[in-house]
Amino acid sequence: MSKRPNLAEITAVAGSTRRQGAAPAAAQPVQEEEGRGAAPAKAKPRAGMRQVAAHFPEEVSWQLRELSVEQRTSVQEILGEALNDLFQKYGKPELVPSRRRGLS
């Protein structure tokens, strides 16, 4: 694989007027500290998860936040509950885990 061109050098040679004076500094490769191996892999808290997103009117966002404050929970927890209700309505298994189950 060939070395990528330094754009600062190319523009300096081409006569760019944006940088006058100092010559561009050469990039120094990052070196790893000696005696250190690769850091141990950290557990990924969202492993096996996928983001589900949609666009709604701004009022929907405000109402979700208001509801989450009233219920003392997160918007994500409210949305999870709503999705489980939707799944149940259509005869599908509830898939979103809830931290609030049994806390009525």
Protein backbone atom coordinates (compact mmCIF):
# COMPACT_ATOMS: atom_id res chain seq x y z
CA MET A 1 0.00 0.00 0.00
CA SER A 2 1.48 3.35 -0.99
CA LYS A 3 1.90 6.28 1.39
CA ARG A 4 -0.96 8.79 1.34
CA PRO A 5 0.02 12.24 0.03
CA ASN A 6 0.41 15.12 2.48
CA LEU A 7 -2.20 17.67 1.41
CA ALA A 8 -0.39 20.54 3.16
CA GLU A 9 2.70 19.90 1.04
CA ILE A 10 0.65 19.66 -2.15
CA THR A 11 -1.09 22.98 -1.52
CA ALA A 12 2.22 24.65 -0.58
CA VAL A 13 3.78 23.52 -3.88
CA ALA A 14 0.67 24.56 -5.83
CA GLY A 15 0.99 28.10 -4.49
CA SER A 16 -1.86 28.23 -1.98
CA THR A 17 -2.21 31.64 -0.35
CA ARG A 18 -3.97 30.35 2.74
CA ARG A 19 -0.78 29.32 4.55
CA GLN A 20 2.08 31.71 4.29
CA GLY A 21 5.28 31.56 6.24
CA ALA A 22 5.99 28.37 8.18
CA ALA A 23 6.54 25.18 6.28
CA PRO A 24 4.17 22.33 7.14
CA ALA A 25 5.43 20.06 9.88
CA ALA A 26 5.99 16.46 8.94
CA ALA A 27 3.62 14.06 10.64
CA GLN A 28 5.36 11.74 13.07
CA PRO A 29 4.08 8.18 13.32
CA VAL A 30 2.60 7.25 16.67
CA GLN A 31 4.73 4.72 18.49
CA GLU A 32 3.44 2.33 21.11
CA GLU A 33 5.07 2.37 24.51
CA GLU A 34 7.54 -0.43 24.99
CA GLY A 35 6.59 -3.19 27.36
CA ARG A 36 2.88 -2.63 26.91
CA GLY A 37 0.86 -5.20 25.09
CA ALA A 38 -2.59 -4.72 23.74
CA ALA A 39 -5.06 -3.54 26.35
CA PRO A 40 -7.47 -6.22 27.52
CA ALA A 41 -10.74 -6.13 25.63
CA LYS A 42 -13.48 -4.37 27.57
CA ALA A 43 -16.98 -5.73 27.69
CA LYS A 44 -19.19 -3.90 25.22
CA PRO A 45 -22.36 -2.84 27.05
CA ARG A 46 -24.39 -2.75 23.83
CA ALA A 47 -23.19 -6.02 22.36
CA GLY A 48 -26.03 -7.79 20.59
CA MET A 49 -28.06 -4.56 20.43
CA ARG A 50 -29.14 -2.46 17.43
CA GLN A 51 -30.37 1.10 17.40
CA VAL A 52 -33.95 1.54 16.22
CA ALA A 53 -34.75 5.10 15.19
CA ALA A 54 -37.53 7.06 13.50
CA HIS A 55 -38.52 10.66 12.84
CA PHE A 56 -41.61 12.11 14.51
CA PRO A 57 -42.93 15.62 15.18
CA GLU A 58 -41.02 17.55 17.83
CA GLU A 59 -43.98 17.36 20.23
CA VAL A 60 -43.59 13.57 20.38
CA SER A 61 -40.07 13.98 21.73
CA TRP A 62 -41.18 16.49 24.37
CA GLN A 63 -44.09 14.31 25.45
CA LEU A 64 -41.83 11.24 25.76
CA ARG A 65 -39.42 13.21 27.94
CA GLU A 66 -42.27 14.52 30.07
CA LEU A 67 -43.65 11.01 30.52
CA SER A 68 -40.22 9.66 31.45
CA VAL A 69 -39.85 12.36 34.13
CA GLU A 70 -43.35 11.66 35.49
CA GLN A 71 -42.62 7.91 35.62
CA ARG A 72 -39.07 8.46 36.95
CA THR A 73 -37.53 6.34 34.22
CA SER A 74 -35.74 6.80 30.90
CA VAL A 75 -37.19 7.49 27.47
CA GLN A 76 -35.59 4.21 26.38
CA GLU A 77 -37.51 2.33 29.06
CA ILE A 78 -40.78 4.02 27.98
CA LEU A 79 -40.13 3.13 24.32
CA GLY A 80 -39.28 -0.45 25.27
CA GLU A 81 -42.56 -0.78 27.13
CA ALA A 82 -44.42 0.65 24.12
CA LEU A 83 -42.71 -1.78 21.74
CA ASN A 84 -43.55 -4.74 23.98
CA ASP A 85 -47.21 -3.58 24.01
CA LEU A 86 -47.13 -3.40 20.20
CA PHE A 87 -45.60 -6.87 19.94
CA GLN A 88 -48.25 -8.25 22.29
CA LYS A 89 -51.03 -6.62 20.23
CA TYR A 90 -49.86 -8.49 17.13
CA GLY A 91 -49.26 -11.80 18.90
CA LYS A 92 -45.48 -11.53 18.95
CA PRO A 93 -43.27 -12.29 21.96
CA GLU A 94 -42.15 -9.39 24.14
CA LEU A 95 -38.46 -8.92 23.37
CA VAL A 96 -37.47 -5.71 25.15
CA PRO A 97 -36.15 -6.41 28.65
CA SER A 98 -37.58 -4.19 31.37
CA ARG A 99 -35.93 -3.11 34.61
CA ARG A 100 -39.26 -1.97 36.02
CA ARG A 101 -41.15 -5.28 35.91
CA GLY A 102 -42.87 -5.97 39.18
CA LEU A 103 -42.28 -2.43 40.51
CA SER A 104 -45.86 -1.13 40.29
